[in-house]
Every structure is written in C-alpha cells, then in structure tokens.
Amino acid sequence: MKRIYSVQVENRSGVLCKVAGLFSRRCFNIDSLAVGETDDPAVSCMTIVSSGDARTIEQIEKQLNKKLDVIKVKTFDEMGSISRELLLMKVKYNKSNRRDIMEICGIMKAQIVDMSKNMMLIQMCDTPERIQLLISMFNSISVVEVARTGTLALQKCNETD
C-alpha cells in the first residue's frame, strides 16, 4: 500500500532532519521525498511517498501530526491525486542509435534539452511509473547519469474546492 503525504512545515533549518529522523527511528521507509518553499516563504511543503500496511500508513500520519514544526498533514492516495516527477538523464549516443533515442523520446514525450558530439541530455516530466518506463526503455542504450526529483503531488480538483 502506497501513500503520499503532503506535509506543510515551518521553513527553518533542521526540520527536514527531524522528519527524516521520525521515519528512521520507527523503521518506516521513504520511497520519495521532495521539499520546496510554498508561496509563503515561512512555509515549506514536503511531499513524502511511503509504503506499508494500513497500520504503518496510519502511524506515519499520526507521528507527523505530533511534530511541533509540522503545520498541516494531508494524505493522498494515488487515485485521488495528480503526481509528477522530473527526470534528467544523460545518454551516450552514436550514429546507429541516435534515431532510436529520438523516436523513444518522441513516443514518451521526453525532450532532448542538451547535446554534444556523443551525449544527449533528456528531460521528462510525468508520473513516476512513466519515468521508470522511460528509464527501462534505455536499458539497451548507454545511460551515463540519471537524476530524479522525487514525486510532487496535489489532490485532484473537485467541485467543492
């Protein structure tokens, strides 16, 4: 069972360490973590993706709510939210695989954002599952480096908002 936590915290040094420590002490796993300032410079939003059984998921939310630096905790399931991740991937290319790389990028809606004589830098913003699919499609091509942001998510819009 996978759950996405959107945690608004005070934008101060040490808060990330405290939240990560909570997960570490309780042996909860963090699948993905992304942190950034919100429209209010005093508040940051942590998007944490974690997995576990129903009891673990409930315990994570309760423990997060106990933290003094935590302002608000929202939980999303994968169906009730929109999630995106950014991928930057550097691949080595040659004359024989250049066309294949460009075709895969076109099919997956990834962009080639930088290029040199034998390297391409590919960018993709999509769901974590599609990001993983793109990476697996490049298994036969020489991947040099991969950087991923981690999941960002917001609850889907509904008529009562």
N, C-alpha and C. Protein backbone atom coordinates (compact mmCIF):
# COMPACT_ATOMS: atom_id res chain seq x y z
N MET A 1 0.85 -1.18 0.00
CA MET A 1 0.00 0.00 0.00
C MET A 1 0.89 1.24 0.00
N LYS A 2 0.66 2.13 -0.94
CA LYS A 2 1.47 3.34 -1.09
C LYS A 2 0.64 4.56 -0.73
N ARG A 3 1.24 5.51 -0.02
CA ARG A 3 0.53 6.72 0.38
C ARG A 3 1.42 7.92 0.14
N ILE A 4 0.80 9.03 -0.26
CA ILE A 4 1.51 10.28 -0.49
C ILE A 4 1.12 11.24 0.63
N TYR A 5 2.11 11.79 1.32
CA TYR A 5 1.87 12.76 2.39
C TYR A 5 2.34 14.12 1.92
N SER A 6 1.47 15.10 1.99
CA SER A 6 1.83 16.48 1.73
C SER A 6 1.89 17.16 3.08
N VAL A 7 3.10 17.49 3.51
CA VAL A 7 3.32 17.99 4.87
C VAL A 7 3.80 19.43 4.80
N GLN A 8 3.00 20.35 5.32
CA GLN A 8 3.42 21.74 5.40
C GLN A 8 4.16 21.92 6.71
N VAL A 9 5.37 22.45 6.62
CA VAL A 9 6.22 22.62 7.80
C VAL A 9 6.76 24.05 7.84
N GLU A 10 7.23 24.44 9.02
CA GLU A 10 7.88 25.73 9.14
C GLU A 10 9.19 25.68 8.36
N ASN A 11 9.47 26.73 7.61
CA ASN A 11 10.66 26.79 6.76
C ASN A 11 11.86 27.22 7.60
N ARG A 12 12.41 26.26 8.35
CA ARG A 12 13.57 26.52 9.21
C ARG A 12 14.58 25.39 9.04
N SER A 13 15.81 25.69 9.37
CA SER A 13 16.83 24.65 9.28
C SER A 13 16.58 23.58 10.34
N GLY A 14 16.85 22.35 9.99
CA GLY A 14 16.70 21.23 10.92
C GLY A 14 15.37 20.51 10.84
N VAL A 15 14.37 21.11 10.21
CA VAL A 15 13.03 20.49 10.14
C VAL A 15 13.09 19.21 9.30
N LEU A 16 13.76 19.24 8.17
CA LEU A 16 13.89 18.05 7.33
C LEU A 16 14.55 16.91 8.11
N CYS A 17 15.59 17.24 8.86
CA CYS A 17 16.30 16.24 9.66
C CYS A 17 15.37 15.61 10.71
N LYS A 18 14.53 16.42 11.33
CA LYS A 18 13.59 15.91 12.34
C LYS A 18 12.57 14.96 11.71
N VAL A 19 12.04 15.33 10.56
CA VAL A 19 11.05 14.48 9.89
C VAL A 19 11.70 13.19 9.40
N ALA A 20 12.88 13.28 8.81
CA ALA A 20 13.59 12.08 8.36
C ALA A 20 13.93 11.20 9.55
N GLY A 21 14.29 11.81 10.66
CA GLY A 21 14.59 11.06 11.88
C GLY A 21 13.39 10.29 12.40
N LEU A 22 12.21 10.88 12.27
CA LEU A 22 10.97 10.20 12.67
C LEU A 22 10.81 8.90 11.88
N PHE A 23 11.02 8.97 10.58
CA PHE A 23 10.90 7.78 9.74
C PHE A 23 11.98 6.76 10.10
N SER A 24 13.18 7.24 10.33
CA SER A 24 14.30 6.35 10.65
C SER A 24 14.09 5.62 11.98
N ARG A 25 13.72 6.36 13.01
CA ARG A 25 13.54 5.76 14.33
C ARG A 25 12.45 4.69 14.34
N ARG A 26 11.42 4.88 13.56
CA ARG A 26 10.29 3.96 13.55
C ARG A 26 10.41 2.91 12.45
N CYS A 27 11.53 2.92 11.72
CA CYS A 27 11.79 1.97 10.62
C CYS A 27 10.73 2.05 9.52
N PHE A 28 10.23 3.27 9.26
CA PHE A 28 9.33 3.50 8.13
C PHE A 28 10.20 3.82 6.93
N ASN A 29 9.80 3.34 5.76
CA ASN A 29 10.58 3.58 4.56
C ASN A 29 10.07 4.82 3.83
N ILE A 30 10.99 5.62 3.32
CA ILE A 30 10.64 6.75 2.45
C ILE A 30 10.97 6.34 1.03
N ASP A 31 9.94 6.22 0.18
CA ASP A 31 10.15 5.87 -1.22
C ASP A 31 10.60 7.08 -2.02
N SER A 32 10.08 8.27 -1.65
CA SER A 32 10.40 9.50 -2.35
C SER A 32 10.21 10.67 -1.40
N LEU A 33 11.07 11.69 -1.54
CA LEU A 33 10.99 12.87 -0.70
C LEU A 33 11.36 14.09 -1.53
N ALA A 34 10.48 15.07 -1.57
CA ALA A 34 10.75 16.33 -2.26
C ALA A 34 10.31 17.46 -1.35
N VAL A 35 11.15 18.48 -1.23
CA VAL A 35 10.86 19.61 -0.34
C VAL A 35 11.07 20.91 -1.10
N GLY A 36 10.16 21.84 -0.91
CA GLY A 36 10.31 23.16 -1.52
C GLY A 36 9.48 24.19 -0.80
N GLU A 37 9.90 25.43 -0.94
CA GLU A 37 9.19 26.55 -0.35
C GLU A 37 7.83 26.72 -1.03
N THR A 38 6.81 27.12 -0.28
CA THR A 38 5.49 27.39 -0.85
C THR A 38 5.41 28.85 -1.26
N ASP A 39 4.20 29.32 -1.55
CA ASP A 39 4.01 30.74 -1.87
C ASP A 39 4.30 31.62 -0.67
N ASP A 40 4.28 31.05 0.54
CA ASP A 40 4.64 31.76 1.76
C ASP A 40 6.07 31.36 2.12
N PRO A 41 7.02 32.31 2.13
CA PRO A 41 8.43 31.96 2.40
C PRO A 41 8.67 31.37 3.79
N ALA A 42 7.73 31.48 4.69
CA ALA A 42 7.88 30.92 6.04
C ALA A 42 7.44 29.45 6.10
N VAL A 43 6.86 28.95 5.01
CA VAL A 43 6.33 27.58 4.98
C VAL A 43 6.93 26.80 3.82
N SER A 44 7.34 25.57 4.10
CA SER A 44 7.81 24.64 3.07
C SER A 44 6.83 23.49 2.97
N CYS A 45 6.78 22.87 1.80
CA CYS A 45 5.94 21.69 1.60
C CYS A 45 6.83 20.50 1.33
N MET A 46 6.67 19.47 2.15
CA MET A 46 7.37 18.20 1.95
C MET A 46 6.39 17.24 1.32
N THR A 47 6.76 16.65 0.22
CA THR A 47 5.95 15.59 -0.37
C THR A 47 6.70 14.29 -0.13
N ILE A 48 6.10 13.43 0.69
CA ILE A 48 6.74 12.19 1.09
C ILE A 48 5.90 11.03 0.58
N VAL A 49 6.51 10.12 -0.14
CA VAL A 49 5.83 8.91 -0.58
C VAL A 49 6.39 7.76 0.26
N SER A 50 5.49 7.02 0.89
CA SER A 50 5.90 5.91 1.74
C SER A 50 4.97 4.74 1.49
N SER A 51 5.44 3.55 1.80
CA SER A 51 4.61 2.37 1.60
C SER A 51 4.65 1.51 2.86
N GLY A 52 3.60 0.73 3.01
CA GLY A 52 3.49 -0.16 4.16
C GLY A 52 2.07 -0.66 4.28
N ASP A 53 1.80 -1.40 5.33
CA ASP A 53 0.44 -1.88 5.55
C ASP A 53 -0.42 -0.75 6.11
N ALA A 54 -1.71 -1.01 6.28
CA ALA A 54 -2.65 0.02 6.72
C ALA A 54 -2.24 0.62 8.07
N ARG A 55 -1.76 -0.21 8.98
CA ARG A 55 -1.35 0.26 10.31
C ARG A 55 -0.14 1.20 10.19
N THR A 56 0.82 0.85 9.38
CA THR A 56 2.02 1.68 9.19
C THR A 56 1.63 3.03 8.61
N ILE A 57 0.78 3.02 7.59
CA ILE A 57 0.33 4.26 6.95
C ILE A 57 -0.34 5.17 7.99
N GLU A 58 -1.19 4.60 8.82
CA GLU A 58 -1.88 5.37 9.87
C GLU A 58 -0.88 5.92 10.89
N GLN A 59 0.10 5.11 11.28
CA GLN A 59 1.10 5.54 12.26
C GLN A 59 1.95 6.69 11.73
N ILE A 60 2.30 6.64 10.46
CA ILE A 60 3.10 7.71 9.87
C ILE A 60 2.36 9.03 9.99
N GLU A 61 1.09 9.04 9.61
CA GLU A 61 0.30 10.28 9.68
C GLU A 61 0.20 10.78 11.12
N LYS A 62 -0.07 9.89 12.07
CA LYS A 62 -0.17 10.30 13.48
C LYS A 62 1.14 10.89 13.99
N GLN A 63 2.25 10.24 13.66
CA GLN A 63 3.56 10.71 14.12
C GLN A 63 3.94 12.05 13.50
N LEU A 64 3.60 12.24 12.23
CA LEU A 64 3.88 13.52 11.58
C LEU A 64 3.10 14.64 12.25
N ASN A 65 1.84 14.37 12.58
CA ASN A 65 0.99 15.39 13.22
C ASN A 65 1.50 15.78 14.60
N LYS A 66 2.28 14.94 15.25
CA LYS A 66 2.80 15.23 16.59
C LYS A 66 3.99 16.20 16.56
N LYS A 67 4.65 16.30 15.44
CA LYS A 67 5.85 17.14 15.34
C LYS A 67 5.49 18.62 15.48
N LEU A 68 6.27 19.36 16.28
CA LEU A 68 6.00 20.78 16.54
C LEU A 68 6.16 21.64 15.29
N ASP A 69 7.12 21.31 14.43
CA ASP A 69 7.38 22.11 13.23
C ASP A 69 6.37 21.86 12.11
N VAL A 70 5.54 20.83 12.27
CA VAL A 70 4.56 20.48 11.25
C VAL A 70 3.30 21.34 11.41
N ILE A 71 2.91 22.01 10.34
CA ILE A 71 1.73 22.87 10.36
C ILE A 71 0.49 22.07 9.97
N LYS A 72 0.61 21.27 8.90
CA LYS A 72 -0.56 20.53 8.39
C LYS A 72 -0.09 19.30 7.63
N VAL A 73 -0.82 18.20 7.79
CA VAL A 73 -0.52 16.97 7.07
C VAL A 73 -1.75 16.59 6.26
N LYS A 74 -1.55 16.38 4.96
CA LYS A 74 -2.62 15.87 4.09
C LYS A 74 -2.12 14.55 3.53
N THR A 75 -3.01 13.58 3.42
CA THR A 75 -2.63 12.32 2.79
C THR A 75 -3.45 12.14 1.52
N PHE A 76 -2.78 11.62 0.51
CA PHE A 76 -3.43 11.36 -0.77
C PHE A 76 -3.20 9.91 -1.13
N ASP A 77 -4.19 9.30 -1.75
CA ASP A 77 -3.93 8.01 -2.38
C ASP A 77 -3.60 8.31 -3.84
N GLU A 78 -3.09 7.34 -4.53
CA GLU A 78 -2.65 7.57 -5.91
C GLU A 78 -3.80 7.92 -6.85
N MET A 79 -5.00 7.41 -6.55
CA MET A 79 -6.14 7.68 -7.43
C MET A 79 -6.73 9.07 -7.21
N GLY A 80 -6.59 9.62 -6.00
CA GLY A 80 -7.21 10.91 -5.68
C GLY A 80 -6.28 12.09 -5.85
N SER A 81 -5.12 11.85 -6.46
CA SER A 81 -4.16 12.94 -6.60
C SER A 81 -3.49 12.91 -7.97
N ILE A 82 -2.90 14.02 -8.30
CA ILE A 82 -2.09 14.13 -9.51
C ILE A 82 -0.64 14.21 -9.04
N SER A 83 0.19 13.31 -9.52
CA SER A 83 1.60 13.32 -9.11
C SER A 83 2.50 13.39 -10.34
N ARG A 84 3.59 14.09 -10.17
CA ARG A 84 4.57 14.25 -11.24
C ARG A 84 5.97 14.15 -10.66
N GLU A 85 6.89 13.78 -11.54
CA GLU A 85 8.29 13.69 -11.19
C GLU A 85 9.09 14.20 -12.38
N LEU A 86 10.22 14.81 -12.11
CA LEU A 86 11.10 15.30 -13.18
C LEU A 86 12.31 14.38 -13.28
N LEU A 87 12.66 14.03 -14.49
CA LEU A 87 13.82 13.19 -14.78
C LEU A 87 14.78 13.95 -15.68
N LEU A 88 16.05 13.91 -15.36
CA LEU A 88 17.11 14.33 -16.26
C LEU A 88 18.01 13.12 -16.44
N MET A 89 18.26 12.76 -17.70
CA MET A 89 19.05 11.57 -17.98
C MET A 89 20.05 11.86 -19.10
N LYS A 90 21.30 11.54 -18.83
CA LYS A 90 22.36 11.73 -19.83
C LYS A 90 22.66 10.38 -20.45
N VAL A 91 22.61 10.32 -21.79
CA VAL A 91 22.89 9.08 -22.51
C VAL A 91 23.98 9.31 -23.55
N LYS A 92 24.74 8.25 -23.79
CA LYS A 92 25.76 8.26 -24.82
C LYS A 92 25.11 7.79 -26.11
N TYR A 93 25.37 8.47 -27.21
CA TYR A 93 24.79 8.03 -28.48
C TYR A 93 25.85 7.94 -29.56
N ASN A 94 25.47 7.24 -30.62
CA ASN A 94 26.31 7.15 -31.81
C ASN A 94 25.39 7.18 -33.03
N LYS A 95 25.96 7.07 -34.21
CA LYS A 95 25.15 7.15 -35.43
C LYS A 95 24.10 6.04 -35.49
N SER A 96 24.40 4.88 -34.96
CA SER A 96 23.48 3.75 -35.08
C SER A 96 22.29 3.83 -34.11
N ASN A 97 22.44 4.49 -32.96
CA ASN A 97 21.31 4.52 -32.03
C ASN A 97 20.67 5.91 -31.87
N ARG A 98 21.20 6.90 -32.57
CA ARG A 98 20.68 8.27 -32.46
C ARG A 98 19.20 8.34 -32.84
N ARG A 99 18.82 7.74 -33.92
CA ARG A 99 17.43 7.76 -34.38
C ARG A 99 16.52 7.04 -33.36
N ASP A 100 16.97 5.92 -32.80
CA ASP A 100 16.19 5.18 -31.80
C ASP A 100 15.91 6.04 -30.57
N ILE A 101 16.95 6.76 -30.12
CA ILE A 101 16.79 7.63 -28.95
C ILE A 101 15.75 8.71 -29.24
N MET A 102 15.84 9.31 -30.40
CA MET A 102 14.90 10.38 -30.77
C MET A 102 13.47 9.83 -30.88
N GLU A 103 13.32 8.63 -31.41
CA GLU A 103 11.99 8.02 -31.53
C GLU A 103 11.40 7.70 -30.16
N ILE A 104 12.21 7.15 -29.26
CA ILE A 104 11.73 6.86 -27.90
C ILE A 104 11.30 8.15 -27.22
N CYS A 105 12.11 9.20 -27.35
CA CYS A 105 11.77 10.50 -26.76
C CYS A 105 10.45 11.03 -27.32
N GLY A 106 10.25 10.88 -28.62
CA GLY A 106 9.01 11.33 -29.24
C GLY A 106 7.79 10.56 -28.74
N ILE A 107 7.92 9.25 -28.65
CA ILE A 107 6.81 8.40 -28.18
C ILE A 107 6.47 8.70 -26.73
N MET A 108 7.50 8.87 -25.90
CA MET A 108 7.30 9.06 -24.46
C MET A 108 7.10 10.53 -24.07
N LYS A 109 7.15 11.43 -25.03
CA LYS A 109 7.02 12.87 -24.80
C LYS A 109 8.11 13.41 -23.88
N ALA A 110 9.32 12.92 -24.10
CA ALA A 110 10.51 13.42 -23.41
C ALA A 110 11.20 14.40 -24.36
N GLN A 111 11.97 15.31 -23.81
CA GLN A 111 12.65 16.30 -24.65
C GLN A 111 14.17 16.14 -24.52
N ILE A 112 14.84 16.35 -25.64
CA ILE A 112 16.30 16.42 -25.63
C ILE A 112 16.62 17.89 -25.38
N VAL A 113 17.22 18.18 -24.22
CA VAL A 113 17.43 19.57 -23.81
C VAL A 113 18.87 20.04 -23.97
N ASP A 114 19.79 19.11 -24.21
CA ASP A 114 21.18 19.48 -24.44
C ASP A 114 21.84 18.34 -25.20
N MET A 115 22.87 18.71 -25.96
CA MET A 115 23.50 17.72 -26.81
C MET A 115 24.95 18.10 -27.06
N SER A 116 25.80 17.11 -27.12
CA SER A 116 27.19 17.32 -27.53
C SER A 116 27.48 16.33 -28.65
N LYS A 117 28.74 16.18 -28.99
CA LYS A 117 29.11 15.31 -30.10
C LYS A 117 28.73 13.85 -29.87
N ASN A 118 28.71 13.39 -28.61
CA ASN A 118 28.37 11.99 -28.35
C ASN A 118 27.46 11.78 -27.13
N MET A 119 26.89 12.87 -26.59
CA MET A 119 26.00 12.76 -25.43
C MET A 119 24.73 13.56 -25.66
N MET A 120 23.63 13.07 -25.08
CA MET A 120 22.36 13.79 -25.07
C MET A 120 21.87 13.88 -23.64
N LEU A 121 21.24 15.01 -23.31
CA LEU A 121 20.61 15.19 -22.01
C LEU A 121 19.11 15.23 -22.26
N ILE A 122 18.40 14.27 -21.66
CA ILE A 122 16.97 14.11 -21.89
C ILE A 122 16.21 14.52 -20.64
N GLN A 123 15.11 15.21 -20.85
CA GLN A 123 14.26 15.67 -19.76
C GLN A 123 12.86 15.10 -19.94
N MET A 124 12.23 14.71 -18.83
CA MET A 124 10.85 14.25 -18.88
C MET A 124 10.16 14.59 -17.57
N CYS A 125 8.96 15.12 -17.68
CA CYS A 125 8.12 15.38 -16.51
C CYS A 125 6.84 14.57 -16.69
N ASP A 126 6.64 13.60 -15.80
CA ASP A 126 5.48 12.71 -15.94
C ASP A 126 5.28 11.96 -14.63
N THR A 127 4.41 10.98 -14.66
CA THR A 127 4.16 10.17 -13.47
C THR A 127 5.40 9.32 -13.16
N PRO A 128 5.59 8.95 -11.90
CA PRO A 128 6.74 8.11 -11.57
C PRO A 128 6.79 6.80 -12.37
N GLU A 129 5.62 6.24 -12.69
CA GLU A 129 5.57 4.99 -13.45
C GLU A 129 6.08 5.19 -14.88
N ARG A 130 5.70 6.31 -15.50
CA ARG A 130 6.16 6.57 -16.87
C ARG A 130 7.65 6.95 -16.90
N ILE A 131 8.10 7.60 -15.84
CA ILE A 131 9.54 7.91 -15.73
C ILE A 131 10.32 6.60 -15.69
N GLN A 132 9.85 5.66 -14.87
CA GLN A 132 10.52 4.36 -14.75
C GLN A 132 10.49 3.60 -16.08
N LEU A 133 9.36 3.71 -16.79
CA LEU A 133 9.24 3.07 -18.10
C LEU A 133 10.27 3.63 -19.08
N LEU A 134 10.44 4.96 -19.10
CA LEU A 134 11.43 5.56 -19.99
C LEU A 134 12.84 5.06 -19.66
N ILE A 135 13.16 5.02 -18.38
CA ILE A 135 14.49 4.54 -17.97
C ILE A 135 14.70 3.10 -18.45
N SER A 136 13.68 2.27 -18.29
CA SER A 136 13.82 0.87 -18.72
C SER A 136 13.94 0.75 -20.24
N MET A 137 13.33 1.67 -20.98
CA MET A 137 13.45 1.65 -22.45
C MET A 137 14.87 1.96 -22.90
N PHE A 138 15.63 2.64 -22.05
CA PHE A 138 17.01 2.99 -22.38
C PHE A 138 18.01 1.98 -21.85
N ASN A 139 17.56 0.83 -21.36
CA ASN A 139 18.48 -0.19 -20.84
C ASN A 139 19.48 -0.66 -21.88
N SER A 140 19.08 -0.73 -23.13
CA SER A 140 19.99 -1.20 -24.18
C SER A 140 20.90 -0.09 -24.70
N ILE A 141 20.66 1.14 -24.26
CA ILE A 141 21.47 2.28 -24.67
C ILE A 141 22.34 2.68 -23.48
N SER A 142 23.48 3.23 -23.71
CA SER A 142 24.41 3.56 -22.64
C SER A 142 23.94 4.78 -21.83
N VAL A 143 23.30 4.53 -20.70
CA VAL A 143 22.89 5.60 -19.79
C VAL A 143 24.10 5.97 -18.94
N VAL A 144 24.45 7.25 -18.94
CA VAL A 144 25.62 7.72 -18.22
C VAL A 144 25.25 8.18 -16.82
N GLU A 145 24.13 8.92 -16.71
CA GLU A 145 23.75 9.51 -15.42
C GLU A 145 22.25 9.76 -15.40
N VAL A 146 21.65 9.57 -14.21
CA VAL A 146 20.22 9.79 -14.04
C VAL A 146 20.00 10.62 -12.77
N ALA A 147 19.15 11.65 -12.87
CA ALA A 147 18.75 12.42 -11.69
C ALA A 147 17.22 12.54 -11.72
N ARG A 148 16.60 12.23 -10.58
CA ARG A 148 15.14 12.32 -10.45
C ARG A 148 14.80 13.21 -9.26
N THR A 149 13.71 13.97 -9.38
CA THR A 149 13.34 14.89 -8.31
C THR A 149 12.63 14.21 -7.16
N GLY A 150 11.98 13.11 -7.39
CA GLY A 150 11.07 12.57 -6.40
C GLY A 150 9.68 13.08 -6.75
N THR A 151 8.69 12.47 -6.16
CA THR A 151 7.30 12.77 -6.50
C THR A 151 6.83 14.07 -5.88
N LEU A 152 6.12 14.86 -6.67
CA LEU A 152 5.36 16.00 -6.19
C LEU A 152 3.90 15.68 -6.46
N ALA A 153 3.00 16.05 -5.54
CA ALA A 153 1.60 15.70 -5.74
C ALA A 153 0.68 16.75 -5.12
N LEU A 154 -0.49 16.88 -5.71
CA LEU A 154 -1.59 17.68 -5.17
C LEU A 154 -2.87 16.88 -5.36
N GLN A 155 -3.80 17.11 -4.46
CA GLN A 155 -5.08 16.44 -4.56
C GLN A 155 -5.81 16.94 -5.80
N LYS A 156 -6.55 16.04 -6.44
CA LYS A 156 -7.31 16.41 -7.63
C LYS A 156 -8.35 17.48 -7.28
N CYS A 157 -8.66 18.31 -8.26
CA CYS A 157 -9.68 19.35 -8.08
C CYS A 157 -11.06 18.70 -8.00
N ASN A 158 -11.91 19.25 -7.17
CA ASN A 158 -13.29 18.79 -7.16
C ASN A 158 -14.21 20.00 -7.06
N GLU A 159 -15.48 19.78 -7.24
CA GLU A 159 -16.46 20.88 -7.31
C GLU A 159 -16.59 21.66 -6.01
N THR A 160 -16.24 21.07 -4.86
CA THR A 160 -16.40 21.75 -3.58
C THR A 160 -15.23 22.66 -3.24
N ASP A 161 -14.14 22.63 -4.04
CA ASP A 161 -12.97 23.50 -3.76
C ASP A 161 -13.30 24.95 -4.01
